[in-house]
Amino acid sequence: MKSVSTILFLLSVLLIVGAIWNTLALKRPGFYPPKQVLKKRASALAGGGGILLLVAIILSSF
């Protein structure tokens, strides 16, 4: 169970870092994907990272 929670923690960190990367890409001028696409992608990555983080915390408590 410890390895599963560790993997989930790592995945949640990767998703949250991806969300931060996409949020910072909104500030860069001339970045290709439209801002609406970047906002949707960042919110999806942050939501997935948050959910995985909660699941990992719950699994690590057992």
PDB file of N, CA and C in Angstrom:
ATOM      1  N   MET A   1       0.827  -1.185   0.000  1.00  0.00           N
ATOM      2  CA  MET A   1       0.000   0.000   0.000  1.00  0.00           C
ATOM      3  C   MET A   1       0.877   1.255   0.000  1.00  0.00           C
ATOM      4  N   LYS A   2       2.056   1.129   0.605  1.00  0.00           N
ATOM      5  CA  LYS A   2       2.951   2.281   0.662  1.00  0.00           C
ATOM      6  C   LYS A   2       3.446   2.670  -0.727  1.00  0.00           C
ATOM      7  N   SER A   3       3.719   1.685  -1.561  1.00  0.00           N
ATOM      8  CA  SER A   3       4.202   2.003  -2.908  1.00  0.00           C
ATOM      9  C   SER A   3       3.107   2.658  -3.750  1.00  0.00           C
ATOM     10  N   VAL A   4       1.862   2.237  -3.553  1.00  0.00           N
ATOM     11  CA  VAL A   4       0.747   2.837  -4.294  1.00  0.00           C
ATOM     12  C   VAL A   4       0.578   4.297  -3.892  1.00  0.00           C
ATOM     13  N   SER A   5       0.642   4.574  -2.599  1.00  0.00           N
ATOM     14  CA  SER A   5       0.489   5.964  -2.155  1.00  0.00           C
ATOM     15  C   SER A   5       1.670   6.817  -2.613  1.00  0.00           C
ATOM     16  N   THR A   6       2.866   6.245  -2.663  1.00  0.00           N
ATOM     17  CA  THR A   6       4.029   6.984  -3.154  1.00  0.00           C
ATOM     18  C   THR A   6       3.875   7.329  -4.625  1.00  0.00           C
ATOM     19  N   ILE A   7       3.410   6.378  -5.410  1.00  0.00           N
ATOM     20  CA  ILE A   7       3.188   6.623  -6.839  1.00  0.00           C
ATOM     21  C   ILE A   7       2.110   7.686  -7.032  1.00  0.00           C
ATOM     22  N   LEU A   8       1.051   7.627  -6.241  1.00  0.00           N
ATOM     23  CA  LEU A   8      -0.008   8.632  -6.345  1.00  0.00           C
ATOM     24  C   LEU A   8       0.489  10.017  -5.940  1.00  0.00           C
ATOM     25  N   PHE A   9       1.344  10.083  -4.916  1.00  0.00           N
ATOM     26  CA  PHE A   9       1.932  11.366  -4.533  1.00  0.00           C
ATOM     27  C   PHE A   9       2.765  11.937  -5.678  1.00  0.00           C
ATOM     28  N   LEU A  10       3.580  11.083  -6.305  1.00  0.00           N
ATOM     29  CA  LEU A  10       4.415  11.553  -7.410  1.00  0.00           C
ATOM     30  C   LEU A  10       3.573  12.012  -8.592  1.00  0.00           C
ATOM     31  N   LEU A  11       2.523  11.272  -8.910  1.00  0.00           N
ATOM     32  CA  LEU A  11       1.645  11.675 -10.005  1.00  0.00           C
ATOM     33  C   LEU A  11       0.939  12.994  -9.699  1.00  0.00           C
ATOM     34  N   SER A  12       0.520  13.160  -8.459  1.00  0.00           N
ATOM     35  CA  SER A  12      -0.149  14.415  -8.107  1.00  0.00           C
ATOM     36  C   SER A  12       0.815  15.592  -8.192  1.00  0.00           C
ATOM     37  N   VAL A  13       2.056  15.385  -7.800  1.00  0.00           N
ATOM     38  CA  VAL A  13       3.051  16.456  -7.912  1.00  0.00           C
ATOM     39  C   VAL A  13       3.290  16.802  -9.375  1.00  0.00           C
ATOM     40  N   LEU A  14       3.390  15.789 -10.231  1.00  0.00           N
ATOM     41  CA  LEU A  14       3.588  16.042 -11.659  1.00  0.00           C
ATOM     42  C   LEU A  14       2.413  16.802 -12.261  1.00  0.00           C
ATOM     43  N   LEU A  15       1.207  16.435 -11.882  1.00  0.00           N
ATOM     44  CA  LEU A  15       0.038  17.128 -12.409  1.00  0.00           C
ATOM     45  C   LEU A  15      -0.030  18.574 -11.924  1.00  0.00           C
ATOM     46  N   ILE A  16       0.312  18.799 -10.672  1.00  0.00           N
ATOM     47  CA  ILE A  16       0.286  20.160 -10.142  1.00  0.00           C
ATOM     48  C   ILE A  16       1.380  21.006 -10.790  1.00  0.00           C
ATOM     49  N   VAL A  17       2.552  20.418 -11.023  1.00  0.00           N
ATOM     50  CA  VAL A  17       3.617  21.144 -11.722  1.00  0.00           C
ATOM     51  C   VAL A  17       3.180  21.472 -13.147  1.00  0.00           C
ATOM     52  N   GLY A  18       2.499  20.545 -13.800  1.00  0.00           N
ATOM     53  CA  GLY A  18       1.973  20.816 -15.138  1.00  0.00           C
ATOM     54  C   GLY A  18       0.951  21.937 -15.136  1.00  0.00           C
ATOM     55  N   ALA A  19       0.134  21.983 -14.113  1.00  0.00           N
ATOM     56  CA  ALA A  19      -0.850  23.065 -13.999  1.00  0.00           C
ATOM     57  C   ALA A  19      -0.154  24.408 -13.807  1.00  0.00           C
ATOM     58  N   ILE A  20       0.884  24.428 -12.997  1.00  0.00           N
ATOM     59  CA  ILE A  20       1.636  25.670 -12.793  1.00  0.00           C
ATOM     60  C   ILE A  20       2.322  26.087 -14.085  1.00  0.00           C
ATOM     61  N   TRP A  21       2.878  25.124 -14.812  1.00  0.00           N
ATOM     62  CA  TRP A  21       3.543  25.414 -16.088  1.00  0.00           C
ATOM     63  C   TRP A  21       2.561  26.038 -17.081  1.00  0.00           C
ATOM     64  N   ASN A  22       1.373  25.479 -17.177  1.00  0.00           N
ATOM     65  CA  ASN A  22       0.376  26.019 -18.096  1.00  0.00           C
ATOM     66  C   ASN A  22      -0.139  27.375 -17.639  1.00  0.00           C
ATOM     67  N   THR A  23      -0.226  27.587 -16.343  1.00  0.00           N
ATOM     68  CA  THR A  23      -0.645  28.889 -15.831  1.00  0.00           C
ATOM     69  C   THR A  23       0.408  29.950 -16.138  1.00  0.00           C
ATOM     70  N   LEU A  24       1.671  29.595 -16.002  1.00  0.00           N
ATOM     71  CA  LEU A  24       2.736  30.539 -16.331  1.00  0.00           C
ATOM     72  C   LEU A  24       2.809  30.795 -17.833  1.00  0.00           C
ATOM     73  N   ALA A  25       2.409  29.820 -18.638  1.00  0.00           N
ATOM     74  CA  ALA A  25       2.415  29.999 -20.091  1.00  0.00           C
ATOM     75  C   ALA A  25       1.387  31.040 -20.523  1.00  0.00           C
ATOM     76  N   LEU A  26       0.386  31.279 -19.694  1.00  0.00           N
ATOM     77  CA  LEU A  26      -0.597  32.319 -20.008  1.00  0.00           C
ATOM     78  C   LEU A  26       0.044  33.704 -20.050  1.00  0.00           C
ATOM     79  N   LYS A  27       1.083  33.903 -19.271  1.00  0.00           N
ATOM     80  CA  LYS A  27       1.729  35.214 -19.177  1.00  0.00           C
ATOM     81  C   LYS A  27       2.692  35.475 -20.335  1.00  0.00           C
ATOM     82  N   ARG A  28       3.155  34.400 -20.997  1.00  0.00           N
ATOM     83  CA  ARG A  28       4.128  34.568 -22.075  1.00  0.00           C
ATOM     84  C   ARG A  28       3.458  35.069 -23.342  1.00  0.00           C
ATOM     85  N   PRO A  29       4.030  36.067 -23.962  1.00  0.00           N
ATOM     86  CA  PRO A  29       3.445  36.543 -25.223  1.00  0.00           C
ATOM     87  C   PRO A  29       3.821  35.617 -26.380  1.00  0.00           C
ATOM     88  N   GLY A  30       2.909  35.461 -27.303  1.00  0.00           N
ATOM     89  CA  GLY A  30       3.183  34.685 -28.498  1.00  0.00           C
ATOM     90  C   GLY A  30       3.176  33.187 -28.294  1.00  0.00           C
ATOM     91  N   PHE A  31       2.629  32.721 -27.217  1.00  0.00           N
ATOM     92  CA  PHE A  31       2.551  31.283 -26.976  1.00  0.00           C
ATOM     93  C   PHE A  31       1.418  30.714 -27.808  1.00  0.00           C
ATOM     94  N   TYR A  32       1.659  29.557 -28.478  1.00  0.00           N
ATOM     95  CA  TYR A  32       0.713  29.096 -29.487  1.00  0.00           C
ATOM     96  C   TYR A  32      -0.684  28.758 -28.982  1.00  0.00           C
ATOM     97  N   PRO A  33      -0.845  27.827 -28.023  1.00  0.00           N
ATOM     98  CA  PRO A  33      -2.241  27.478 -27.713  1.00  0.00           C
ATOM     99  C   PRO A  33      -3.001  28.705 -27.219  1.00  0.00           C
ATOM    100  N   PRO A  34      -4.230  28.845 -27.637  1.00  0.00           N
ATOM    101  CA  PRO A  34      -5.031  29.976 -27.156  1.00  0.00           C
ATOM    102  C   PRO A  34      -5.164  29.951 -25.631  1.00  0.00           C
ATOM    103  N   LYS A  35      -5.407  31.108 -25.069  1.00  0.00           N
ATOM    104  CA  LYS A  35      -5.471  31.225 -23.609  1.00  0.00           C
ATOM    105  C   LYS A  35      -6.598  30.392 -23.017  1.00  0.00           C
ATOM    106  N   GLN A  36      -7.694  30.251 -23.747  1.00  0.00           N
ATOM    107  CA  GLN A  36      -8.803  29.440 -23.235  1.00  0.00           C
ATOM    108  C   GLN A  36      -8.386  27.980 -23.104  1.00  0.00           C
ATOM    109  N   VAL A  37      -7.605  27.493 -24.069  1.00  0.00           N
ATOM    110  CA  VAL A  37      -7.131  26.108 -24.021  1.00  0.00           C
ATOM    111  C   VAL A  37      -6.180  25.929 -22.849  1.00  0.00           C
ATOM    112  N   LEU A  38      -5.296  26.890 -22.645  1.00  0.00           N
ATOM    113  CA  LEU A  38      -4.357  26.800 -21.529  1.00  0.00           C
ATOM    114  C   LEU A  38      -5.076  26.847 -20.184  1.00  0.00           C
ATOM    115  N   LYS A  39      -6.107  27.668 -20.072  1.00  0.00           N
ATOM    116  CA  LYS A  39      -6.869  27.743 -18.819  1.00  0.00           C
ATOM    117  C   LYS A  39      -7.577  26.427 -18.533  1.00  0.00           C
ATOM    118  N   LYS A  40      -8.188  25.832 -19.565  1.00  0.00           N
ATOM    119  CA  LYS A  40      -8.869  24.548 -19.374  1.00  0.00           C
ATOM    120  C   LYS A  40      -7.876  23.458 -19.003  1.00  0.00           C
ATOM    121  N   ARG A  41      -6.724  23.450 -19.684  1.00  0.00           N
ATOM    122  CA  ARG A  41      -5.710  22.439 -19.414  1.00  0.00           C
ATOM    123  C   ARG A  41      -5.168  22.589 -17.997  1.00  0.00           C
ATOM    124  N   ALA A  42      -4.904  23.822 -17.573  1.00  0.00           N
ATOM    125  CA  ALA A  42      -4.374  24.058 -16.231  1.00  0.00           C
ATOM    126  C   ALA A  42      -5.384  23.659 -15.162  1.00  0.00           C
ATOM    127  N   SER A  43      -6.658  23.967 -15.388  1.00  0.00           N
ATOM    128  CA  SER A  43      -7.664  23.598 -14.384  1.00  0.00           C
ATOM    129  C   SER A  43      -7.867  22.088 -14.336  1.00  0.00           C
ATOM    130  N   ALA A  44      -7.795  21.418 -15.479  1.00  0.00           N
ATOM    131  CA  ALA A  44      -7.931  19.960 -15.489  1.00  0.00           C
ATOM    132  C   ALA A  44      -6.747  19.299 -14.784  1.00  0.00           C
ATOM    133  N   LEU A  45      -5.550  19.787 -15.044  1.00  0.00           N
ATOM    134  CA  LEU A  45      -4.373  19.225 -14.386  1.00  0.00           C
ATOM    135  C   LEU A  45      -4.395  19.480 -12.884  1.00  0.00           C
ATOM    136  N   ALA A  46      -4.802  20.670 -12.482  1.00  0.00           N
ATOM    137  CA  ALA A  46      -4.869  20.981 -11.053  1.00  0.00           C
ATOM    138  C   ALA A  46      -5.946  20.149 -10.358  1.00  0.00           C
ATOM    139  N   GLY A  47      -7.080  19.975 -11.016  1.00  0.00           N
ATOM    140  CA  GLY A  47      -8.137  19.148 -10.435  1.00  0.00           C
ATOM    141  C   GLY A  47      -7.711  17.703 -10.279  1.00  0.00           C
ATOM    142  N   GLY A  48      -7.089  17.164 -11.314  1.00  0.00           N
ATOM    143  CA  GLY A  48      -6.596  15.788 -11.237  1.00  0.00           C
ATOM    144  C   GLY A  48      -5.519  15.628 -10.187  1.00  0.00           C
ATOM    145  N   GLY A  49      -4.628  16.607 -10.102  1.00  0.00           N
ATOM    146  CA  GLY A  49      -3.578  16.553  -9.086  1.00  0.00           C
ATOM    147  C   GLY A  49      -4.137  16.634  -7.680  1.00  0.00           C
ATOM    148  N   GLY A  50      -5.148  17.472  -7.491  1.00  0.00           N
ATOM    149  CA  GLY A  50      -5.776  17.580  -6.174  1.00  0.00           C
ATOM    150  C   GLY A  50      -6.490  16.306  -5.764  1.00  0.00           C
ATOM    151  N   ILE A  51      -7.193  15.704  -6.707  1.00  0.00           N
ATOM    152  CA  ILE A  51      -7.904  14.453  -6.411  1.00  0.00           C
ATOM    153  C   ILE A  51      -6.916  13.342  -6.084  1.00  0.00           C
ATOM    154  N   LEU A  52      -5.857  13.225  -6.892  1.00  0.00           N
ATOM    155  CA  LEU A  52      -4.858  12.193  -6.613  1.00  0.00           C
ATOM    156  C   LEU A  52      -4.154  12.440  -5.283  1.00  0.00           C
ATOM    157  N   LEU A  53      -3.936  13.699  -4.944  1.00  0.00           N
ATOM    158  CA  LEU A  53      -3.310  14.013  -3.664  1.00  0.00           C
ATOM    159  C   LEU A  53      -4.204  13.595  -2.501  1.00  0.00           C
ATOM    160  N   LEU A  54      -5.501  13.862  -2.612  1.00  0.00           N
ATOM    161  CA  LEU A  54      -6.428  13.435  -1.557  1.00  0.00           C
ATOM    162  C   LEU A  54      -6.476  11.917  -1.425  1.00  0.00           C
ATOM    163  N   VAL A  55      -6.511  11.217  -2.555  1.00  0.00           N
ATOM    164  CA  VAL A  55      -6.528   9.751  -2.525  1.00  0.00           C
ATOM    165  C   VAL A  55      -5.237   9.225  -1.905  1.00  0.00           C
ATOM    166  N   ALA A  56      -4.108   9.828  -2.251  1.00  0.00           N
ATOM    167  CA  ALA A  56      -2.832   9.388  -1.691  1.00  0.00           C
ATOM    168  C   ALA A  56      -2.772   9.631  -0.189  1.00  0.00           C
ATOM    169  N   ILE A  57      -3.306  10.749   0.266  1.00  0.00           N
ATOM    170  CA  ILE A  57      -3.319  11.032   1.707  1.00  0.00           C
ATOM    171  C   ILE A  57      -4.207  10.032   2.434  1.00  0.00           C
ATOM    172  N   ILE A  58      -5.357   9.723   1.847  1.00  0.00           N
ATOM    173  CA  ILE A  58      -6.262   8.752   2.468  1.00  0.00           C
ATOM    174  C   ILE A  58      -5.613   7.375   2.524  1.00  0.00           C
ATOM    175  N   LEU A  59      -4.971   6.958   1.424  1.00  0.00           N
ATOM    176  CA  LEU A  59      -4.333   5.641   1.407  1.00  0.00           C
ATOM    177  C   LEU A  59      -3.121   5.571   2.331  1.00  0.00           C
ATOM    178  N   SER A  60      -2.409   6.665   2.485  1.00  0.00           N
ATOM    179  CA  SER A  60      -1.229   6.634   3.351  1.00  0.00           C
ATOM    180  C   SER A  60      -1.606   6.607   4.828  1.00  0.00           C
ATOM    181  N   SER A  61      -2.834   7.003   5.148  1.00  0.00           N
ATOM    182  CA  SER A  61      -3.244   6.988   6.552  1.00  0.00           C
ATOM    183  C   SER A  61      -3.605   5.584   7.035  1.00  0.00           C
ATOM    184  N   PHE A  62      -3.835   4.659   6.108  1.00  0.00           N
ATOM    185  CA  PHE A  62      -4.180   3.289   6.509  1.00  0.00           C
ATOM    186  C   PHE A  62      -2.973   2.431   6.680  1.00  0.00           C
TER     187      PHE A  62
END
